[in-house]
Amino acid sequence: MLGTAFPASRLLLVEQPGPWGRAGLPASRFNRAAAAALVARAAERGIRVLAIRRPGRTPRGIVRRWALIDCRSDRETARWGSYESDAELLELPLDGSAGEPTQQLAYLVCTHSKHDTCCALRGRNVAMALHEVRPGLVWECSHVGGERFAANVLVLPTGLLYGRVLPFAAAEFVAAAEAGEVVGALLRGRIGLPPSAQAALAFAYEHLAVRRMDAIRLVHAHRVRNGQAIVRLSGPHGLIDVTVLVEPHDGDRLTCDRPGLGRFLGYRPVSAAPVDE
């Protein structure tokens, strides 16, 4: 799963109850013209739009919510607000000046069945299990990629994306996230970072026996050359360089909806060495 978190580090979450089509918010009961304009406006600023909804049945008459999330290192913020008409969001400032800030983590679980049935089959039970632990802080969300890794859970604003999360471990998962720890066995990566850097970070957490997310930071990720990348990290004992091999792979049933053979890149960390300063 390493290195498979998506490249956007900023998100706009838009609550839209009811079904979503394959395209997410633009293919929902949200006004389609407004959704298309909102997605385009956000994309110009490097912001990814995700549709969200509450686990289970959405109560009638609720005021829908939105959130602007920044997952960049040292800028992690979450600001929440509400809206009544779809057109209101076209006037929403996307510079982080609107909404109420919060320190609470939010948990997004992909349940986007129209994109791939894996997400709904495995994600809904996980969303309900997390909701029982942290009611009001858990949302079903539209496509985050990596259907073969469902159930996928994105923790915000830390930006850590996890795969193959199971319902019975919901309480332990939340406890680790709120303690600022990384659940290494389930980690796909951190959104917004290059895939090689995501893989190197996961490797360093495991091999340095470090659990706290903030104990290791990315310094620089070199471009992939000749099938490998060198990623420099700052850890508890100084700088380290992690070598990551980038390898093409063939696989069967990469998603529930596409049972045939597919091809993907794998990011395999193979070594770490201290940097002499």
Protein backbone atom coordinates (compact mmCIF):
# COMPACT_ATOMS: atom_id res chain seq x y z
CA MET A 1 0.00 0.00 0.00
CA LEU A 2 2.99 2.31 0.46
CA GLY A 3 3.06 5.50 -1.58
CA THR A 4 -0.58 5.40 -2.69
CA ALA A 5 -2.04 8.52 -1.02
CA PHE A 6 -3.29 11.13 -3.50
CA PRO A 7 -1.22 14.25 -4.33
CA ALA A 8 -3.51 17.05 -3.09
CA SER A 9 -2.64 18.39 0.37
CA ARG A 10 -5.64 20.75 0.67
CA LEU A 11 -9.27 19.68 0.65
CA LEU A 12 -12.73 21.16 0.47
CA LEU A 13 -15.28 18.86 2.07
CA VAL A 14 -18.90 19.40 1.05
CA GLU A 15 -21.70 17.63 2.87
CA GLN A 16 -24.19 16.23 0.38
CA PRO A 17 -26.54 13.52 1.68
CA GLY A 18 -28.01 10.90 -0.61
CA PRO A 19 -26.41 8.97 -3.46
CA TRP A 20 -23.32 10.06 -5.38
CA GLY A 21 -22.64 9.10 -8.97
CA ARG A 22 -19.21 8.06 -10.16
CA ALA A 23 -17.99 11.67 -10.31
CA GLY A 24 -18.92 12.35 -6.68
CA LEU A 25 -20.33 15.79 -5.89
CA PRO A 26 -21.04 16.79 -9.54
CA ALA A 27 -23.04 13.56 -9.92
CA SER A 28 -25.17 13.97 -6.79
CA ARG A 29 -28.29 15.90 -5.83
CA PHE A 30 -26.10 18.99 -5.48
CA ASN A 31 -26.78 21.48 -8.29
CA ARG A 32 -24.63 20.16 -11.12
CA ALA A 33 -23.65 23.52 -12.60
CA ALA A 34 -22.70 24.84 -9.17
CA ALA A 35 -20.73 21.65 -8.40
CA ALA A 36 -18.79 21.86 -11.66
CA ALA A 37 -17.95 25.51 -11.03
CA LEU A 38 -16.94 24.80 -7.44
CA VAL A 39 -14.67 21.89 -8.41
CA ALA A 40 -13.02 23.97 -11.13
CA ARG A 41 -12.50 26.94 -8.82
CA ALA A 42 -10.97 24.73 -6.14
CA ALA A 43 -8.73 22.93 -8.66
CA GLU A 44 -7.24 26.27 -9.74
CA ARG A 45 -5.96 26.61 -6.17
CA GLY A 46 -4.76 23.03 -5.86
CA ILE A 47 -7.69 22.03 -3.64
CA ARG A 48 -9.43 18.68 -4.05
CA VAL A 49 -13.19 18.54 -3.46
CA LEU A 50 -14.65 15.54 -1.63
CA ALA A 51 -18.33 14.91 -1.02
CA ILE A 52 -19.12 13.82 2.54
CA ARG A 53 -22.18 12.53 4.36
CA ARG A 54 -22.98 11.28 7.85
CA PRO A 55 -22.84 7.54 8.58
CA GLY A 56 -26.23 5.88 8.51
CA ARG A 57 -29.38 7.86 7.76
CA THR A 58 -29.07 11.63 7.57
CA PRO A 59 -31.72 13.35 9.72
CA ARG A 60 -34.20 15.51 7.85
CA GLY A 61 -33.81 19.24 8.05
CA ILE A 62 -30.12 19.29 8.92
CA VAL A 63 -27.98 22.23 7.88
CA ARG A 64 -25.25 20.90 5.63
CA ARG A 65 -21.62 21.50 6.54
CA TRP A 66 -18.43 22.23 4.68
CA ALA A 67 -14.77 22.21 5.70
CA LEU A 68 -11.50 23.59 4.38
CA ILE A 69 -8.60 21.34 5.36
CA ASP A 70 -4.89 22.07 5.00
CA CYS A 71 -2.65 19.03 5.54
CA ARG A 72 0.70 20.63 4.68
CA SER A 73 3.45 20.18 7.25
CA ASP A 74 3.37 22.88 9.93
CA ARG A 75 0.17 24.30 8.41
CA GLU A 76 -2.29 21.59 9.49
CA THR A 77 -5.64 23.29 9.98
CA ALA A 78 -9.33 22.46 9.75
CA ARG A 79 -12.04 25.10 9.45
CA TRP A 80 -15.72 24.16 9.40
CA GLY A 81 -18.82 26.06 8.39
CA SER A 82 -22.38 25.45 7.19
CA TYR A 83 -24.44 26.34 4.15
CA GLU A 84 -28.08 26.24 3.10
CA SER A 85 -28.08 26.72 -0.68
CA ASP A 86 -25.67 25.12 -3.12
CA ALA A 87 -24.88 28.48 -4.70
CA GLU A 88 -23.55 29.79 -1.37
CA LEU A 89 -20.39 27.74 -1.76
CA LEU A 90 -19.49 29.56 -4.98
CA GLU A 91 -18.78 32.60 -2.80
CA LEU A 92 -16.85 30.70 -0.15
CA PRO A 93 -13.32 32.11 0.35
CA LEU A 94 -10.78 29.36 -0.27
CA ASP A 95 -7.89 31.12 1.46
CA GLY A 96 -8.61 29.71 4.92
CA SER A 97 -10.25 32.89 6.23
CA ALA A 98 -13.77 31.46 6.56
CA GLY A 99 -15.22 28.98 9.00
CA GLU A 100 -14.49 28.09 12.59
CA PRO A 101 -11.13 26.44 13.37
CA THR A 102 -11.05 23.22 15.36
CA GLN A 103 -8.35 21.05 16.89
CA GLN A 104 -10.47 17.91 16.71
CA LEU A 105 -9.53 15.23 14.22
CA ALA A 106 -12.02 14.18 11.57
CA TYR A 107 -12.20 10.67 10.12
CA LEU A 108 -13.23 10.20 6.50
CA VAL A 109 -14.12 6.72 5.28
CA CYS A 110 -14.50 6.12 1.55
CA THR A 111 -17.89 4.53 0.82
CA HIS A 112 -18.21 5.61 -2.81
CA SER A 113 -20.02 2.58 -4.23
CA LYS A 114 -20.65 4.09 -7.68
CA HIS A 115 -16.90 4.46 -8.12
CA ASP A 116 -16.15 0.96 -6.83
CA THR A 117 -18.26 -1.44 -4.80
CA CYS A 118 -15.26 -2.44 -2.64
CA CYS A 119 -15.45 0.91 -0.89
CA ALA A 120 -19.08 0.58 0.10
CA LEU A 121 -18.90 -3.10 1.05
CA ARG A 122 -15.96 -2.62 3.39
CA GLY A 123 -16.23 1.06 4.22
CA ARG A 124 -19.70 1.42 5.67
CA ASN A 125 -19.13 -0.96 8.57
CA VAL A 126 -15.89 0.82 9.41
CA ALA A 127 -17.59 4.22 9.26
CA MET A 128 -20.29 3.07 11.69
CA ALA A 129 -17.70 1.51 14.03
CA LEU A 130 -15.68 4.74 14.11
CA HIS A 131 -18.88 6.76 14.54
CA GLU A 132 -19.70 4.79 17.68
CA VAL A 133 -16.31 5.81 19.11
CA ARG A 134 -16.33 9.44 17.92
CA PRO A 135 -19.89 10.48 17.02
CA GLY A 136 -20.04 13.64 14.96
CA LEU A 137 -16.42 13.40 13.83
CA VAL A 138 -16.78 10.60 11.28
CA TRP A 139 -17.91 11.08 7.69
CA GLU A 140 -18.43 8.86 4.69
CA CYS A 141 -16.62 10.39 1.72
CA SER A 142 -16.29 10.10 -2.03
CA HIS A 143 -13.40 8.49 -3.90
CA VAL A 144 -9.90 8.70 -2.38
CA GLY A 145 -8.26 6.07 -4.61
CA GLY A 146 -6.92 2.63 -3.79
CA GLU A 147 -10.16 0.68 -3.87
CA ARG A 148 -8.23 -2.57 -3.44
CA PHE A 149 -7.15 -1.33 -0.01
CA ALA A 150 -10.68 -0.71 1.32
CA ALA A 151 -11.69 0.16 3.90
CA ASN A 152 -9.77 3.40 3.41
CA VAL A 153 -9.70 5.97 6.22
CA LEU A 154 -8.29 9.50 5.91
CA VAL A 155 -7.45 11.27 9.17
CA LEU A 156 -7.65 15.06 8.98
CA PRO A 157 -5.88 17.41 9.19
CA THR A 158 -2.85 15.13 9.69
CA GLY A 159 -3.37 13.86 6.14
CA LEU A 160 -2.54 10.25 6.97
CA LEU A 161 -4.36 7.81 4.70
CA TYR A 162 -4.85 4.25 5.90
CA GLY A 163 -6.04 1.12 4.16
CA ARG A 164 -7.53 -2.24 5.17
CA VAL A 165 -8.94 -0.79 8.38
CA LEU A 166 -11.25 -3.24 10.18
CA PRO A 167 -14.34 -2.38 12.25
CA PHE A 168 -13.33 -4.26 15.40
CA ALA A 169 -10.18 -2.13 15.76
CA ALA A 170 -11.99 1.23 15.62
CA ALA A 171 -11.33 2.21 19.25
CA GLU A 172 -7.61 1.39 19.04
CA PHE A 173 -7.32 3.20 15.72
CA VAL A 174 -8.88 6.38 17.12
CA ALA A 175 -6.76 6.20 20.28
CA ALA A 176 -3.56 6.03 18.22
CA ALA A 177 -4.62 8.88 15.93
CA GLU A 178 -5.52 11.15 18.83
CA ALA A 179 -2.23 10.37 20.55
CA GLY A 180 -0.42 11.65 17.46
CA GLU A 181 0.80 8.17 16.57
CA VAL A 182 1.15 6.43 13.23
CA VAL A 183 -0.53 3.06 12.70
CA GLY A 184 2.32 1.70 10.60
CA ALA A 185 0.79 -1.60 9.54
CA LEU A 186 -2.15 0.16 7.86
CA LEU A 187 -0.41 3.25 6.49
CA ARG A 188 -0.75 4.00 2.78
CA GLY A 189 0.93 7.39 3.01
CA ARG A 190 0.43 11.07 3.70
CA ILE A 191 -1.58 13.02 1.14
CA GLY A 192 0.24 15.76 -0.72
CA LEU A 193 3.67 14.11 -0.65
CA PRO A 194 5.45 12.36 -3.54
CA PRO A 195 4.87 8.59 -3.48
CA SER A 196 8.54 7.85 -2.79
CA ALA A 197 8.47 10.19 0.23
CA GLN A 198 5.34 8.52 1.57
CA ALA A 199 7.01 5.12 1.36
CA ALA A 200 10.24 6.39 2.94
CA LEU A 201 8.38 7.89 5.89
CA ALA A 202 6.52 4.64 6.54
CA PHE A 203 9.81 2.73 6.36
CA ALA A 204 11.46 5.12 8.82
CA TYR A 205 8.62 4.93 11.35
CA GLU A 206 8.89 1.16 11.37
CA HIS A 207 12.65 0.70 11.32
CA LEU A 208 13.43 3.46 13.79
CA ALA A 209 10.68 2.14 16.08
CA VAL A 210 9.09 5.59 16.13
CA ARG A 211 5.34 5.96 16.62
CA ARG A 212 4.78 9.69 16.89
CA MET A 213 3.98 11.30 13.56
CA ASP A 214 5.90 14.51 14.29
CA ALA A 215 9.13 12.67 15.18
CA ILE A 216 10.11 12.24 11.52
CA ARG A 217 9.89 14.90 8.84
CA LEU A 218 10.51 15.06 5.13
CA VAL A 219 13.49 17.20 4.12
CA HIS A 220 13.71 16.44 0.41
CA ALA A 221 12.65 13.79 -2.08
CA HIS A 222 14.82 13.43 -5.18
CA ARG A 223 13.23 12.60 -8.49
CA VAL A 224 13.02 8.98 -9.53
CA ARG A 225 16.04 8.02 -11.64
CA ASN A 226 16.84 4.57 -12.98
CA GLY A 227 14.03 3.09 -10.96
CA GLN A 228 14.97 4.52 -7.58
CA ALA A 229 14.63 7.66 -5.48
CA ILE A 230 16.60 8.94 -2.50
CA VAL A 231 14.48 10.55 0.21
CA ARG A 232 16.08 12.60 2.97
CA LEU A 233 14.32 12.63 6.33
CA SER A 234 14.93 14.29 9.67
CA GLY A 235 14.51 11.89 12.58
CA PRO A 236 15.21 11.68 16.30
CA HIS A 237 18.90 10.92 15.65
CA GLY A 238 19.56 13.31 12.79
CA LEU A 239 19.28 13.14 9.02
CA ILE A 240 18.82 9.87 7.17
CA ASP A 241 18.62 8.98 3.49
CA VAL A 242 16.14 6.28 2.53
CA THR A 243 16.50 4.51 -0.81
CA VAL A 244 13.17 3.65 -2.43
CA LEU A 245 12.91 1.34 -5.45
CA VAL A 246 10.13 2.16 -7.91
CA GLU A 247 8.98 -1.00 -9.65
CA PRO A 248 6.16 -1.76 -12.13
CA HIS A 249 3.88 -4.64 -11.18
CA ASP A 250 1.05 -6.60 -12.75
CA GLY A 251 -1.92 -7.48 -10.57
CA ASP A 252 -5.31 -9.13 -10.80
CA ARG A 253 -8.52 -7.65 -9.35
CA LEU A 254 -7.03 -4.27 -8.51
CA THR A 255 -10.60 -3.11 -7.95
CA CYS A 256 -13.89 -4.93 -7.37
CA ASP A 257 -15.35 -3.46 -10.55
CA ARG A 258 -12.38 -4.37 -12.78
CA PRO A 259 -11.56 -8.03 -12.21
CA GLY A 260 -8.97 -8.35 -15.00
CA LEU A 261 -5.23 -7.76 -14.98
CA GLY A 262 -3.92 -4.28 -14.24
CA ARG A 263 -0.57 -2.56 -13.89
CA PHE A 264 0.71 -0.30 -11.13
CA LEU A 265 3.91 1.13 -9.66
CA GLY A 266 5.17 -0.16 -6.33
CA TYR A 267 7.36 1.89 -3.99
CA ARG A 268 9.68 -0.36 -2.00
CA PRO A 269 12.06 1.15 0.57
CA VAL A 270 15.17 -1.00 0.80
CA SER A 271 17.72 0.82 2.97
CA ALA A 272 18.35 3.77 5.24
CA ALA A 273 21.67 5.43 6.01
CA PRO A 274 22.64 8.27 8.35
CA VAL A 275 23.82 11.48 6.70
CA ASP A 276 27.20 12.83 7.81
CA GLU A 277 26.88 16.54 8.45
